[in-house]
Amino acid sequence: MPYMLSNFIGQNKGVDLIIDVTNKVQVIESLELNKVDFAMVSVVPKKLNFERVELMQNKLYLIAGKRGLNKANLSEKKLFEQLPLIYREMGSATRVAMEQFIIKNKFDVRKKNRAYFL
């Protein structure tokens, strides 16, 4: 994100830029309460009326360590069903997209593992 804002900051030296990385639920709340001037999101909130500019296509990828995908003979379904998955926090648009993908494809995934990054 800093790369995308570098020209703006260069042209507007008096602007203090504060970047807060959070989840979709908190972004929507900040917009509703007029706490922020603008926000960058991967999924556009449907319940708010605002102007938007599409900056780039957003794709999600399944990634794993070197040992994780060595089971190359597994189908996509088996990968999701047999490998442990790490989920983003509640309220994350990435988490919602991942859960919708799993439901749509009728994958029977393992118990949800949670990871918190500080």
N, C-alpha and C. Protein backbone atom coordinates (compact mmCIF):
# COMPACT_ATOMS: atom_id res chain seq x y z
N MET A 1 0.81 -1.19 0.00
CA MET A 1 0.00 0.00 0.00
C MET A 1 0.86 1.27 0.00
N PRO A 2 1.96 1.33 0.74
CA PRO A 2 2.77 2.55 0.69
C PRO A 2 3.20 2.91 -0.73
N TYR A 3 3.51 1.91 -1.57
CA TYR A 3 3.88 2.16 -2.95
C TYR A 3 2.76 2.88 -3.69
N MET A 4 1.53 2.47 -3.45
CA MET A 4 0.38 3.06 -4.14
C MET A 4 0.13 4.50 -3.70
N LEU A 5 0.58 4.87 -2.53
CA LEU A 5 0.33 6.20 -1.99
C LEU A 5 1.52 7.14 -2.10
N SER A 6 2.66 6.65 -2.57
CA SER A 6 3.88 7.46 -2.56
C SER A 6 3.75 8.74 -3.38
N ASN A 7 3.13 8.69 -4.55
CA ASN A 7 2.96 9.91 -5.36
C ASN A 7 2.08 10.93 -4.64
N PHE A 8 0.99 10.45 -4.04
CA PHE A 8 0.09 11.34 -3.31
C PHE A 8 0.82 12.03 -2.17
N ILE A 9 1.56 11.28 -1.39
CA ILE A 9 2.29 11.84 -0.25
C ILE A 9 3.35 12.82 -0.74
N GLY A 10 4.01 12.49 -1.84
CA GLY A 10 5.02 13.39 -2.41
C GLY A 10 4.43 14.72 -2.84
N GLN A 11 3.21 14.71 -3.34
CA GLN A 11 2.55 15.93 -3.81
C GLN A 11 1.83 16.68 -2.69
N ASN A 12 1.65 16.06 -1.55
CA ASN A 12 0.90 16.66 -0.44
C ASN A 12 1.70 16.52 0.85
N LYS A 13 2.79 17.25 0.93
CA LYS A 13 3.73 17.11 2.05
C LYS A 13 3.11 17.41 3.41
N GLY A 14 2.05 18.21 3.46
CA GLY A 14 1.44 18.57 4.74
C GLY A 14 0.46 17.55 5.28
N VAL A 15 0.24 16.47 4.55
CA VAL A 15 -0.73 15.46 4.96
C VAL A 15 -0.05 14.41 5.84
N ASP A 16 -0.65 14.15 6.99
CA ASP A 16 -0.18 13.05 7.84
C ASP A 16 -0.93 11.79 7.44
N LEU A 17 -0.21 10.76 7.07
CA LEU A 17 -0.83 9.51 6.67
C LEU A 17 -0.77 8.52 7.83
N ILE A 18 -1.93 8.02 8.21
CA ILE A 18 -2.01 6.99 9.24
C ILE A 18 -2.63 5.76 8.59
N ILE A 19 -1.92 4.64 8.64
CA ILE A 19 -2.41 3.39 8.05
C ILE A 19 -2.78 2.44 9.19
N ASP A 20 -4.02 1.97 9.17
CA ASP A 20 -4.51 1.03 10.17
C ASP A 20 -4.95 -0.23 9.43
N VAL A 21 -4.27 -1.33 9.64
CA VAL A 21 -4.62 -2.59 8.99
C VAL A 21 -5.60 -3.33 9.91
N THR A 22 -6.80 -3.57 9.40
CA THR A 22 -7.84 -4.17 10.21
C THR A 22 -8.74 -5.03 9.33
N ASN A 23 -9.83 -5.53 9.88
CA ASN A 23 -10.73 -6.37 9.09
C ASN A 23 -11.91 -5.57 8.54
N LYS A 24 -12.67 -6.21 7.67
CA LYS A 24 -13.77 -5.55 6.97
C LYS A 24 -14.81 -4.96 7.92
N VAL A 25 -15.16 -5.68 8.96
CA VAL A 25 -16.18 -5.21 9.91
C VAL A 25 -15.75 -3.89 10.54
N GLN A 26 -14.49 -3.81 10.96
CA GLN A 26 -14.00 -2.59 11.58
C GLN A 26 -13.87 -1.45 10.57
N VAL A 27 -13.53 -1.77 9.32
CA VAL A 27 -13.46 -0.75 8.27
C VAL A 27 -14.84 -0.15 8.04
N ILE A 28 -15.86 -0.99 7.93
CA ILE A 28 -17.24 -0.51 7.71
C ILE A 28 -17.66 0.39 8.87
N GLU A 29 -17.36 -0.03 10.09
CA GLU A 29 -17.72 0.78 11.26
C GLU A 29 -17.03 2.15 11.20
N SER A 30 -15.75 2.17 10.84
CA SER A 30 -15.02 3.44 10.75
C SER A 30 -15.61 4.35 9.67
N LEU A 31 -16.03 3.77 8.55
CA LEU A 31 -16.66 4.56 7.48
C LEU A 31 -18.01 5.10 7.94
N GLU A 32 -18.80 4.26 8.59
CA GLU A 32 -20.13 4.67 9.07
C GLU A 32 -20.03 5.81 10.08
N LEU A 33 -19.03 5.76 10.93
CA LEU A 33 -18.86 6.78 11.97
C LEU A 33 -18.01 7.96 11.50
N ASN A 34 -17.65 7.96 10.21
CA ASN A 34 -16.86 9.03 9.60
C ASN A 34 -15.52 9.23 10.33
N LYS A 35 -14.91 8.14 10.76
CA LYS A 35 -13.62 8.19 11.45
C LYS A 35 -12.45 8.24 10.48
N VAL A 36 -12.69 7.83 9.23
CA VAL A 36 -11.61 7.79 8.23
C VAL A 36 -12.03 8.55 6.98
N ASP A 37 -11.04 9.06 6.25
CA ASP A 37 -11.31 9.75 5.00
C ASP A 37 -11.53 8.77 3.85
N PHE A 38 -10.77 7.70 3.86
CA PHE A 38 -10.95 6.65 2.85
C PHE A 38 -10.41 5.34 3.39
N ALA A 39 -10.81 4.26 2.75
CA ALA A 39 -10.36 2.93 3.17
C ALA A 39 -10.09 2.08 1.93
N MET A 40 -9.17 1.15 2.06
CA MET A 40 -8.91 0.18 1.00
C MET A 40 -9.44 -1.16 1.49
N VAL A 41 -10.29 -1.78 0.68
CA VAL A 41 -10.89 -3.06 1.04
C VAL A 41 -10.78 -4.02 -0.13
N SER A 42 -10.82 -5.30 0.18
CA SER A 42 -10.79 -6.30 -0.89
C SER A 42 -12.20 -6.66 -1.35
N VAL A 43 -13.18 -6.48 -0.48
CA VAL A 43 -14.59 -6.73 -0.82
C VAL A 43 -15.37 -5.47 -0.48
N VAL A 44 -16.07 -4.92 -1.47
CA VAL A 44 -16.80 -3.66 -1.28
C VAL A 44 -18.04 -3.90 -0.42
N PRO A 45 -18.19 -3.14 0.67
CA PRO A 45 -19.38 -3.28 1.52
C PRO A 45 -20.64 -2.89 0.74
N LYS A 46 -21.68 -3.70 0.85
CA LYS A 46 -22.91 -3.45 0.09
C LYS A 46 -23.83 -2.45 0.77
N LYS A 47 -23.75 -2.32 2.08
CA LYS A 47 -24.73 -1.51 2.78
C LYS A 47 -24.39 -0.02 2.86
N LEU A 48 -23.25 0.39 2.32
CA LEU A 48 -22.88 1.80 2.35
C LEU A 48 -22.91 2.41 0.95
N ASN A 49 -23.31 3.67 0.87
CA ASN A 49 -23.32 4.39 -0.40
C ASN A 49 -22.11 5.32 -0.41
N PHE A 50 -21.14 5.05 -1.28
CA PHE A 50 -19.93 5.86 -1.34
C PHE A 50 -19.30 5.74 -2.71
N GLU A 51 -18.35 6.61 -2.99
CA GLU A 51 -17.60 6.53 -4.25
C GLU A 51 -16.51 5.49 -4.10
N ARG A 52 -16.17 4.85 -5.22
CA ARG A 52 -15.10 3.85 -5.16
C ARG A 52 -14.30 3.86 -6.45
N VAL A 53 -13.06 3.43 -6.34
CA VAL A 53 -12.15 3.31 -7.47
C VAL A 53 -11.52 1.92 -7.38
N GLU A 54 -11.68 1.11 -8.43
CA GLU A 54 -11.05 -0.21 -8.42
C GLU A 54 -9.57 -0.04 -8.75
N LEU A 55 -8.72 -0.51 -7.84
CA LEU A 55 -7.28 -0.35 -8.01
C LEU A 55 -6.62 -1.56 -8.66
N MET A 56 -7.09 -2.74 -8.33
CA MET A 56 -6.49 -3.95 -8.88
C MET A 56 -7.42 -5.14 -8.64
N GLN A 57 -7.19 -6.21 -9.38
CA GLN A 57 -7.93 -7.44 -9.16
C GLN A 57 -7.38 -8.11 -7.90
N ASN A 58 -8.26 -8.69 -7.12
CA ASN A 58 -7.84 -9.33 -5.87
C ASN A 58 -8.09 -10.83 -5.96
N LYS A 59 -7.03 -11.62 -5.95
CA LYS A 59 -7.16 -13.07 -6.02
C LYS A 59 -6.70 -13.67 -4.71
N LEU A 60 -7.29 -14.79 -4.36
CA LEU A 60 -6.86 -15.54 -3.17
C LEU A 60 -6.21 -16.84 -3.63
N TYR A 61 -5.13 -17.23 -2.95
CA TYR A 61 -4.39 -18.43 -3.32
C TYR A 61 -4.24 -19.34 -2.10
N LEU A 62 -4.27 -20.64 -2.33
CA LEU A 62 -3.93 -21.62 -1.31
C LEU A 62 -2.41 -21.76 -1.35
N ILE A 63 -1.77 -21.51 -0.22
CA ILE A 63 -0.32 -21.64 -0.17
C ILE A 63 0.05 -22.60 0.96
N ALA A 64 1.22 -23.19 0.84
CA ALA A 64 1.68 -24.12 1.87
C ALA A 64 3.20 -24.15 1.86
N GLY A 65 3.75 -24.62 2.97
CA GLY A 65 5.19 -24.82 3.04
C GLY A 65 5.61 -25.93 2.10
N LYS A 66 6.90 -26.13 1.96
CA LYS A 66 7.42 -27.14 1.02
C LYS A 66 6.85 -28.53 1.28
N ARG A 67 6.66 -28.88 2.53
CA ARG A 67 6.14 -30.22 2.84
C ARG A 67 4.63 -30.31 2.65
N GLY A 68 3.93 -29.19 2.78
CA GLY A 68 2.47 -29.19 2.77
C GLY A 68 1.83 -29.68 1.49
N LEU A 69 2.39 -29.32 0.35
CA LEU A 69 1.79 -29.71 -0.93
C LEU A 69 2.55 -30.83 -1.62
N ASN A 70 3.44 -31.51 -0.91
CA ASN A 70 4.15 -32.65 -1.49
C ASN A 70 3.22 -33.80 -1.81
N LYS A 71 1.99 -33.69 -1.36
CA LYS A 71 0.99 -34.72 -1.65
C LYS A 71 0.34 -34.39 -2.99
N ALA A 72 1.16 -34.20 -4.01
CA ALA A 72 0.69 -33.72 -5.31
C ALA A 72 -0.37 -34.61 -5.95
N ASN A 73 -0.46 -35.83 -5.51
CA ASN A 73 -1.45 -36.74 -6.09
C ASN A 73 -2.84 -36.51 -5.50
N LEU A 74 -2.97 -35.58 -4.54
CA LEU A 74 -4.28 -35.28 -3.95
C LEU A 74 -5.06 -34.32 -4.83
N SER A 75 -6.34 -34.55 -4.92
CA SER A 75 -7.21 -33.62 -5.65
C SER A 75 -7.37 -32.35 -4.82
N GLU A 76 -7.95 -31.31 -5.44
CA GLU A 76 -8.21 -30.06 -4.72
C GLU A 76 -9.08 -30.34 -3.49
N LYS A 77 -10.08 -31.17 -3.67
CA LYS A 77 -10.99 -31.52 -2.57
C LYS A 77 -10.20 -32.17 -1.42
N LYS A 78 -9.34 -33.12 -1.74
CA LYS A 78 -8.56 -33.82 -0.71
C LYS A 78 -7.57 -32.89 -0.03
N LEU A 79 -6.99 -31.93 -0.78
CA LEU A 79 -6.09 -30.96 -0.16
C LEU A 79 -6.81 -30.21 0.95
N PHE A 80 -8.00 -29.71 0.65
CA PHE A 80 -8.76 -28.95 1.64
C PHE A 80 -9.22 -29.83 2.79
N GLU A 81 -9.53 -31.06 2.51
CA GLU A 81 -10.07 -31.94 3.54
C GLU A 81 -8.99 -32.56 4.43
N GLN A 82 -7.77 -32.72 3.92
CA GLN A 82 -6.74 -33.42 4.69
C GLN A 82 -5.68 -32.51 5.30
N LEU A 83 -5.46 -31.33 4.73
CA LEU A 83 -4.45 -30.44 5.29
C LEU A 83 -5.09 -29.48 6.30
N PRO A 84 -4.38 -29.15 7.38
CA PRO A 84 -4.92 -28.18 8.33
C PRO A 84 -4.92 -26.78 7.69
N LEU A 85 -5.99 -26.04 7.91
CA LEU A 85 -6.12 -24.70 7.35
C LEU A 85 -5.99 -23.65 8.44
N ILE A 86 -5.41 -22.52 8.10
CA ILE A 86 -5.33 -21.39 9.02
C ILE A 86 -6.34 -20.35 8.53
N TYR A 87 -7.20 -19.93 9.44
CA TYR A 87 -8.24 -18.96 9.10
C TYR A 87 -7.87 -17.58 9.63
N ARG A 88 -8.28 -16.54 8.89
CA ARG A 88 -8.18 -15.18 9.39
C ARG A 88 -9.20 -14.98 10.50
N GLU A 89 -9.14 -13.84 11.16
CA GLU A 89 -10.04 -13.55 12.28
C GLU A 89 -11.47 -13.33 11.79
N MET A 90 -12.42 -13.47 12.72
CA MET A 90 -13.82 -13.21 12.41
C MET A 90 -13.94 -11.78 11.91
N GLY A 91 -14.77 -11.57 10.89
CA GLY A 91 -14.96 -10.24 10.34
C GLY A 91 -14.07 -9.96 9.15
N SER A 92 -13.12 -10.83 8.87
CA SER A 92 -12.21 -10.65 7.74
C SER A 92 -12.89 -11.07 6.45
N ALA A 93 -12.81 -10.21 5.43
CA ALA A 93 -13.39 -10.55 4.13
C ALA A 93 -12.68 -11.75 3.50
N THR A 94 -11.39 -11.88 3.76
CA THR A 94 -10.64 -13.03 3.26
C THR A 94 -11.19 -14.32 3.87
N ARG A 95 -11.47 -14.29 5.15
CA ARG A 95 -12.05 -15.47 5.82
C ARG A 95 -13.41 -15.81 5.23
N VAL A 96 -14.25 -14.81 5.03
CA VAL A 96 -15.58 -15.03 4.46
C VAL A 96 -15.46 -15.65 3.08
N ALA A 97 -14.56 -15.13 2.24
CA ALA A 97 -14.38 -15.67 0.89
C ALA A 97 -13.91 -17.12 0.95
N MET A 98 -13.01 -17.42 1.86
CA MET A 98 -12.50 -18.79 2.01
C MET A 98 -13.61 -19.73 2.46
N GLU A 99 -14.41 -19.30 3.45
CA GLU A 99 -15.50 -20.14 3.94
C GLU A 99 -16.55 -20.36 2.85
N GLN A 100 -16.84 -19.33 2.06
CA GLN A 100 -17.81 -19.48 0.97
C GLN A 100 -17.30 -20.45 -0.09
N PHE A 101 -16.00 -20.40 -0.39
CA PHE A 101 -15.40 -21.32 -1.35
C PHE A 101 -15.53 -22.76 -0.85
N ILE A 102 -15.27 -22.98 0.43
CA ILE A 102 -15.36 -24.32 1.02
C ILE A 102 -16.80 -24.84 0.97
N ILE A 103 -17.76 -23.98 1.32
CA ILE A 103 -19.17 -24.37 1.29
C ILE A 103 -19.62 -24.66 -0.13
N LYS A 104 -19.28 -23.76 -1.05
CA LYS A 104 -19.69 -23.92 -2.46
C LYS A 104 -19.19 -25.24 -3.04
N ASN A 105 -17.98 -25.62 -2.67
CA ASN A 105 -17.38 -26.84 -3.21
C ASN A 105 -17.64 -28.07 -2.35
N LYS A 106 -18.41 -27.89 -1.27
CA LYS A 106 -18.81 -28.98 -0.38
C LYS A 106 -17.61 -29.76 0.16
N PHE A 107 -16.56 -29.01 0.55
CA PHE A 107 -15.40 -29.64 1.17
C PHE A 107 -15.71 -29.89 2.64
N ASP A 108 -15.28 -31.04 3.14
CA ASP A 108 -15.45 -31.39 4.55
C ASP A 108 -14.11 -31.13 5.23
N VAL A 109 -13.90 -29.88 5.67
CA VAL A 109 -12.58 -29.50 6.20
C VAL A 109 -12.44 -29.87 7.66
N ARG A 110 -11.16 -29.97 8.08
CA ARG A 110 -10.84 -30.25 9.48
C ARG A 110 -11.31 -29.10 10.36
N LYS A 111 -11.25 -29.33 11.66
CA LYS A 111 -11.57 -28.29 12.63
C LYS A 111 -10.76 -27.03 12.31
N LYS A 112 -11.37 -25.90 12.48
CA LYS A 112 -10.71 -24.63 12.16
C LYS A 112 -9.58 -24.34 13.13
N ASN A 113 -8.40 -24.07 12.57
CA ASN A 113 -7.27 -23.63 13.37
C ASN A 113 -7.24 -22.11 13.32
N ARG A 114 -6.86 -21.50 14.40
CA ARG A 114 -6.82 -20.04 14.44
C ARG A 114 -5.38 -19.60 14.60
N ALA A 115 -5.03 -18.55 13.89
CA ALA A 115 -3.71 -17.96 14.03
C ALA A 115 -3.88 -16.46 14.23
N TYR A 116 -3.14 -15.93 15.15
CA TYR A 116 -3.19 -14.50 15.42
C TYR A 116 -1.80 -13.94 15.19
N PHE A 117 -1.73 -12.91 14.40
CA PHE A 117 -0.45 -12.29 14.08
C PHE A 117 -0.41 -10.91 14.71
N LEU A 118 0.62 -10.65 15.49
CA LEU A 118 0.76 -9.35 16.15
C LEU A 118 1.82 -8.53 15.47
